[in-house]
Amino acid sequence: MIDQQPVEQKKRTIQEIHASKKTGEKMVYMSVPDYTSAKWAESAGVDVAVVGDSLAMIAHGHSNTIPATMDMMVMHATSIRRGAPNTFVLGCMPYQSYNTVDRALQNATRFMQEAGTDAVKPQGGKSQAHILRALVDAGIPTASHIGMTPHTVAVFGGFRIQGRTADAAMKILEDAFAIQDAGCFMLEFEAVPAKIATVISQQLEIPTIGIGAGVGTDGQILLCHDLLGIFSDFKPKFTKRYANLTEVAVEGIKKYISEVKSSAFPDDDHSYSVDEKEYEKFLNMVEKRKHQ
């Protein structure tokens, strides 16, 4: 039987996340799009709640993450911060929000100042090292994301696994070292062969988080709506379903429809009553009005 009681949550610190590399504690990240799922994350004891730009797909119905804007991300991040006040919140910087140093600083500041996130995460390695370093130098806790990067999905020709050749794997390794050298506190691998991610993780001093990168990273991240079976448009290979809430939800809605159609809902338990004397008085008043 799984304990249903909320976990007493104390917000993780950058130091604890960084130290997990040495202690061997696997950090659990979860991408959440809204207040309610953020509450679920905190109640369950997730280490880091991520404001992923994947919310453009799961919350707004787009086919990829590109349409996410800073205004959209800040709005969602603000609600997530309210839902998980005692959880470390990481804001993912959306497409083209960090294409210059000035723009990156301005938008990262919005995440930290307006939404109250604890850190930010652009995407990219070597080519983005100057951006990452500028954010770190400005005192903004920064992570990054390499491997299959959704912002460059058009370059990859779709969502494709990265690092399957030795040369491609070496590029990911060099990107990882560039991220570490820029002063980032963590990096994320996406869609990288497990053996490659493991070897690269072992070379680094900063912790690594994987999504579709095997068990050899220092922690894992999945989307809340994927692992709970809420988002049903497609299921990535790396997602394990721990529940199927879509099935539960659709079945519940069908029962609601059936009971409304048959007048079984609302019943007395779900309706408000009125004092009988006042009700009779009201009926008399209605009757008088009809004859005026």
Protein backbone atom coordinates (compact mmCIF):
# COMPACT_ATOMS: atom_id res chain seq x y z
CA MET A 1 0.00 0.00 0.00
CA ILE A 2 1.43 3.39 -1.03
CA ASP A 3 1.38 6.04 1.69
CA GLN A 4 -1.17 8.67 0.67
CA GLN A 5 -0.05 11.25 3.25
CA PRO A 6 1.63 14.41 1.84
CA VAL A 7 5.40 14.46 2.27
CA GLU A 8 6.76 17.12 4.62
CA GLN A 9 8.59 19.21 2.03
CA LYS A 10 11.65 21.39 2.54
CA LYS A 11 12.80 23.22 -0.55
CA ARG A 12 15.98 21.82 -2.06
CA THR A 13 18.92 24.17 -2.42
CA ILE A 14 21.41 24.55 -5.25
CA GLN A 15 24.05 23.19 -2.88
CA GLU A 16 21.99 20.04 -2.17
CA ILE A 17 21.33 19.46 -5.86
CA HIS A 18 25.01 19.88 -6.65
CA ALA A 19 26.04 17.65 -3.73
CA SER A 20 23.78 14.84 -4.95
CA LYS A 21 26.52 14.00 -7.45
CA LYS A 22 28.79 12.93 -4.59
CA THR A 23 26.19 11.54 -2.21
CA GLY A 24 24.65 9.37 -4.91
CA GLU A 25 21.11 10.52 -4.12
CA LYS A 26 18.99 10.29 -7.27
CA MET A 27 17.18 13.58 -7.79
CA VAL A 28 13.60 13.45 -9.08
CA TYR A 29 12.51 16.20 -11.43
CA MET A 30 9.01 16.50 -12.86
CA SER A 31 7.71 18.89 -15.49
CA VAL A 32 4.40 20.39 -14.38
CA PRO A 33 2.20 22.85 -16.31
CA ASP A 34 -0.15 24.27 -13.69
CA TYR A 35 -1.09 24.91 -10.05
CA THR A 36 -2.80 21.57 -9.44
CA SER A 37 -0.03 19.39 -10.84
CA ALA A 38 2.49 21.49 -8.90
CA LYS A 39 0.53 20.70 -5.72
CA TRP A 40 0.65 17.01 -6.62
CA ALA A 41 4.41 17.25 -7.12
CA GLU A 42 5.00 18.89 -3.76
CA SER A 43 2.64 16.57 -1.90
CA ALA A 44 4.44 13.54 -3.36
CA GLY A 45 7.90 14.90 -2.55
CA VAL A 46 9.35 15.69 -6.00
CA ASP A 47 12.77 17.36 -5.62
CA VAL A 48 12.45 19.84 -8.49
CA ALA A 49 9.29 21.06 -10.24
CA VAL A 50 10.12 22.10 -13.80
CA VAL A 51 8.22 24.71 -15.77
CA GLY A 52 8.84 23.03 -19.12
CA ASP A 53 7.98 24.68 -22.40
CA SER A 54 6.42 21.32 -23.25
CA LEU A 55 3.34 23.00 -21.74
CA ALA A 56 2.88 24.57 -25.18
CA MET A 57 1.93 21.04 -26.27
CA ILE A 58 0.18 19.56 -23.25
CA ALA A 59 -1.63 22.69 -22.04
CA HIS A 60 -2.10 24.61 -25.29
CA GLY A 61 -2.35 21.89 -27.94
CA HIS A 62 0.59 22.87 -30.16
CA SER A 63 2.51 20.18 -32.06
CA ASN A 64 5.87 21.19 -30.56
CA THR A 65 7.40 23.57 -28.00
CA ILE A 66 8.30 26.38 -30.42
CA PRO A 67 5.11 28.47 -29.86
CA ALA A 68 5.84 28.90 -26.13
CA THR A 69 6.47 32.56 -25.28
CA MET A 70 7.95 34.22 -22.22
CA ASP A 71 4.56 35.65 -21.29
CA MET A 72 3.07 32.15 -21.45
CA MET A 73 5.92 30.66 -19.44
CA VAL A 74 5.86 33.34 -16.75
CA MET A 75 2.09 32.95 -16.36
CA HIS A 76 2.41 29.19 -15.87
CA ALA A 77 5.49 29.53 -13.66
CA THR A 78 3.65 31.92 -11.36
CA SER A 79 0.84 29.42 -10.83
CA ILE A 80 3.33 26.59 -10.32
CA ARG A 81 5.18 28.62 -7.72
CA ARG A 82 1.89 29.11 -5.85
CA GLY A 83 1.12 25.39 -6.09
CA ALA A 84 4.55 24.30 -4.86
CA PRO A 85 5.84 26.99 -2.49
CA ASN A 86 8.24 24.59 -0.76
CA THR A 87 9.67 22.96 -3.88
CA PHE A 88 12.65 24.07 -5.99
CA VAL A 89 11.19 25.43 -9.24
CA LEU A 90 13.23 25.46 -12.46
CA GLY A 91 12.00 27.64 -15.33
CA CYS A 92 12.79 26.47 -18.88
CA MET A 93 13.55 29.38 -21.18
CA PRO A 94 11.44 29.13 -24.35
CA TYR A 95 12.49 29.28 -27.99
CA GLN A 96 14.54 32.36 -28.95
CA SER A 97 14.22 33.86 -25.46
CA TYR A 98 18.01 33.59 -24.96
CA ASN A 99 19.41 34.20 -28.46
CA THR A 100 21.47 37.18 -27.25
CA VAL A 101 23.08 37.86 -23.89
CA ASP A 102 20.87 40.89 -23.26
CA ARG A 103 17.70 39.01 -24.11
CA ALA A 104 18.73 36.03 -22.00
CA LEU A 105 19.41 38.24 -18.99
CA GLN A 106 16.12 40.10 -19.40
CA ASN A 107 14.03 36.95 -19.73
CA ALA A 108 15.82 34.99 -17.02
CA THR A 109 15.25 37.95 -14.71
CA ARG A 110 11.53 37.78 -15.51
CA PHE A 111 11.45 34.13 -14.43
CA MET A 112 13.24 34.90 -11.17
CA GLN A 113 11.58 38.23 -10.37
CA GLU A 114 8.02 37.92 -11.69
CA ALA A 115 7.41 34.19 -11.27
CA GLY A 116 9.70 33.43 -8.33
CA THR A 117 11.54 30.51 -9.91
CA ASP A 118 14.72 29.29 -8.22
CA ALA A 119 16.73 28.80 -11.41
CA VAL A 120 16.47 28.88 -15.20
CA LYS A 121 17.34 26.45 -17.99
CA PRO A 122 18.09 27.45 -21.58
CA GLN A 123 19.11 24.80 -24.13
CA GLY A 124 22.49 24.19 -25.73
CA GLY A 125 26.12 23.52 -24.95
CA LYS A 126 29.27 24.85 -26.59
CA SER A 127 27.50 27.29 -28.89
CA GLN A 128 25.53 28.73 -25.97
CA ALA A 129 28.38 28.79 -23.43
CA HIS A 130 28.71 32.59 -23.56
CA ILE A 131 24.99 32.94 -22.79
CA LEU A 132 25.19 30.45 -19.92
CA ARG A 133 28.26 32.18 -18.48
CA ALA A 134 26.56 35.59 -18.64
CA LEU A 135 23.57 34.28 -16.72
CA VAL A 136 25.76 32.65 -14.08
CA ASP A 137 27.90 35.79 -13.77
CA ALA A 138 24.71 37.81 -13.22
CA GLY A 139 23.93 35.64 -10.18
CA ILE A 140 21.17 33.63 -11.85
CA PRO A 141 21.33 29.89 -11.06
CA THR A 142 21.49 28.26 -14.48
CA ALA A 143 21.22 24.76 -15.94
CA SER A 144 21.21 23.60 -19.55
CA HIS A 145 19.82 20.91 -21.85
CA ILE A 146 21.68 18.88 -24.50
CA GLY A 147 21.20 15.82 -26.67
CA MET A 148 17.86 16.10 -28.41
CA THR A 149 17.02 19.76 -27.88
CA PRO A 150 13.38 20.55 -28.79
CA HIS A 151 14.29 24.10 -29.85
CA THR A 152 16.38 22.75 -32.70
CA VAL A 153 14.01 19.94 -33.66
CA ALA A 154 13.75 21.33 -37.20
CA VAL A 155 17.54 21.00 -37.61
CA PHE A 156 17.38 17.39 -36.39
CA GLY A 157 14.54 16.62 -38.81
CA GLY A 158 12.19 15.71 -35.96
CA PHE A 159 12.47 14.21 -32.49
CA ARG A 160 15.47 11.94 -33.05
CA ILE A 161 17.91 10.18 -30.73
CA GLN A 162 21.28 11.94 -30.52
CA GLY A 163 24.76 10.51 -29.90
CA ARG A 164 24.49 7.16 -31.66
CA THR A 165 27.84 7.52 -33.42
CA ALA A 166 31.18 8.06 -31.69
CA ASP A 167 31.57 11.52 -33.27
CA ALA A 168 28.05 12.56 -32.24
CA ALA A 169 28.64 11.26 -28.72
CA MET A 170 31.89 13.24 -28.47
CA LYS A 171 30.00 16.39 -29.47
CA ILE A 172 27.57 15.81 -26.60
CA LEU A 173 30.52 15.26 -24.24
CA GLU A 174 32.13 18.55 -25.36
CA ASP A 175 28.79 20.31 -24.91
CA ALA A 176 28.54 18.87 -21.41
CA PHE A 177 31.98 20.16 -20.43
CA ALA A 178 31.16 23.58 -21.90
CA ILE A 179 28.04 23.71 -19.71
CA GLN A 180 30.03 22.73 -16.64
CA ASP A 181 32.81 25.23 -17.42
CA ALA A 182 30.19 27.99 -17.81
CA GLY A 183 29.27 27.49 -14.16
CA CYS A 184 25.93 25.71 -14.55
CA PHE A 185 24.78 23.68 -11.56
CA MET A 186 23.14 20.87 -13.58
CA LEU A 187 22.53 19.63 -17.09
CA GLU A 188 19.83 17.56 -18.74
CA PHE A 189 20.29 14.85 -21.37
CA GLU A 190 17.37 14.07 -23.66
CA ALA A 191 17.12 11.10 -26.03
CA VAL A 192 20.73 9.96 -25.67
CA PRO A 193 21.78 6.27 -25.62
CA ALA A 194 22.01 5.07 -22.03
CA LYS A 195 25.65 3.96 -22.27
CA ILE A 196 26.71 7.31 -23.74
CA ALA A 197 24.88 9.32 -21.08
CA THR A 198 26.42 7.16 -18.34
CA VAL A 199 29.99 7.66 -19.56
CA ILE A 200 29.55 11.42 -19.97
CA SER A 201 27.92 11.72 -16.54
CA GLN A 202 30.90 9.97 -14.99
CA GLN A 203 33.26 12.55 -16.51
CA LEU A 204 31.47 15.52 -14.96
CA GLU A 205 31.47 17.17 -11.56
CA ILE A 206 27.94 18.56 -11.93
CA PRO A 207 24.87 16.32 -11.68
CA THR A 208 23.06 15.14 -14.80
CA ILE A 209 19.35 14.56 -15.24
CA GLY A 210 18.04 12.24 -17.90
CA ILE A 211 14.91 11.92 -19.99
CA GLY A 212 15.28 9.01 -22.35
CA ALA A 213 18.95 8.73 -21.33
CA GLY A 214 19.01 5.59 -19.20
CA VAL A 215 19.57 4.96 -15.52
CA GLY A 216 23.20 6.11 -15.39
CA THR A 217 22.41 9.81 -14.96
CA ASP A 218 22.25 11.38 -11.51
CA GLY A 219 18.49 11.79 -11.63
CA GLN A 220 15.46 11.61 -13.89
CA ILE A 221 12.79 13.90 -15.28
CA LEU A 222 9.43 13.04 -16.82
CA LEU A 223 6.41 15.14 -17.69
CA CYS A 224 3.65 14.89 -15.10
CA HIS A 225 1.00 14.56 -17.81
CA ASP A 226 2.95 11.76 -19.49
CA LEU A 227 3.68 9.63 -16.44
CA LEU A 228 0.10 9.98 -15.15
CA GLY A 229 -1.47 9.26 -18.54
CA ILE A 230 -3.16 12.66 -18.80
CA PHE A 231 -1.63 13.66 -22.15
CA SER A 232 -2.71 11.02 -24.65
CA ASP A 233 -1.83 12.45 -28.09
CA PHE A 234 1.29 10.28 -28.12
CA LYS A 235 3.55 8.43 -25.71
CA PRO A 236 7.35 8.79 -25.99
CA LYS A 237 9.35 5.55 -25.71
CA PHE A 238 11.05 6.83 -22.55
CA THR A 239 7.81 7.52 -20.68
CA LYS A 240 6.55 4.96 -18.21
CA ARG A 241 2.86 5.24 -17.34
CA TYR A 242 2.37 5.13 -13.57
CA ALA A 243 -1.35 5.83 -13.92
CA ASN A 244 -3.91 6.36 -16.67
CA LEU A 245 -5.89 9.38 -15.55
CA THR A 246 -7.32 9.97 -19.02
CA GLU A 247 -9.20 6.67 -18.81
CA VAL A 248 -10.45 7.54 -15.33
CA ALA A 249 -11.45 11.04 -16.42
CA VAL A 250 -13.33 9.96 -19.56
CA GLU A 251 -15.16 7.24 -17.63
CA GLY A 252 -16.14 9.78 -14.97
CA ILE A 253 -17.42 12.24 -17.58
CA LYS A 254 -19.45 9.47 -19.25
CA LYS A 255 -21.12 8.70 -15.90
CA TYR A 256 -21.85 12.40 -15.42
CA ILE A 257 -23.45 12.63 -18.88
CA SER A 258 -25.54 9.52 -18.22
CA GLU A 259 -26.83 10.80 -14.87
CA VAL A 260 -27.72 14.22 -16.26
CA LYS A 261 -29.58 12.65 -19.19
CA SER A 262 -31.57 10.41 -16.81
CA SER A 263 -32.15 13.17 -14.20
CA ALA A 264 -30.27 11.11 -11.60
CA PHE A 265 -28.01 14.11 -11.05
CA PRO A 266 -28.25 16.32 -9.15
CA ASP A 267 -29.96 14.43 -6.34
CA ASP A 268 -30.91 15.78 -2.91
CA ASP A 269 -27.38 15.28 -1.61
CA HIS A 270 -26.05 17.66 -4.25
CA SER A 271 -28.81 20.30 -4.08
CA TYR A 272 -29.64 23.08 -1.64
CA SER A 273 -32.85 22.98 0.43
CA VAL A 274 -35.26 25.71 1.47
CA ASP A 275 -37.43 26.05 4.56
CA GLU A 276 -40.85 24.53 3.79
CA LYS A 277 -42.76 27.54 5.17
CA GLU A 278 -40.78 29.90 2.99
CA TYR A 279 -41.30 27.60 0.03
CA GLU A 280 -45.09 27.58 0.54
CA LYS A 281 -45.07 31.35 0.92
CA PHE A 282 -43.12 31.65 -2.31
CA LEU A 283 -45.63 29.41 -4.16
CA ASN A 284 -48.50 31.57 -2.94
CA MET A 285 -46.70 34.69 -4.14
CA VAL A 286 -46.14 33.10 -7.54
CA GLU A 287 -49.82 32.16 -7.76
CA LYS A 288 -50.94 35.67 -6.88
CA ARG A 289 -48.62 37.13 -9.47
CA LYS A 290 -50.15 34.93 -12.18
CA HIS A 291 -53.57 36.48 -11.49
CA GLN A 292 -52.55 40.10 -11.36
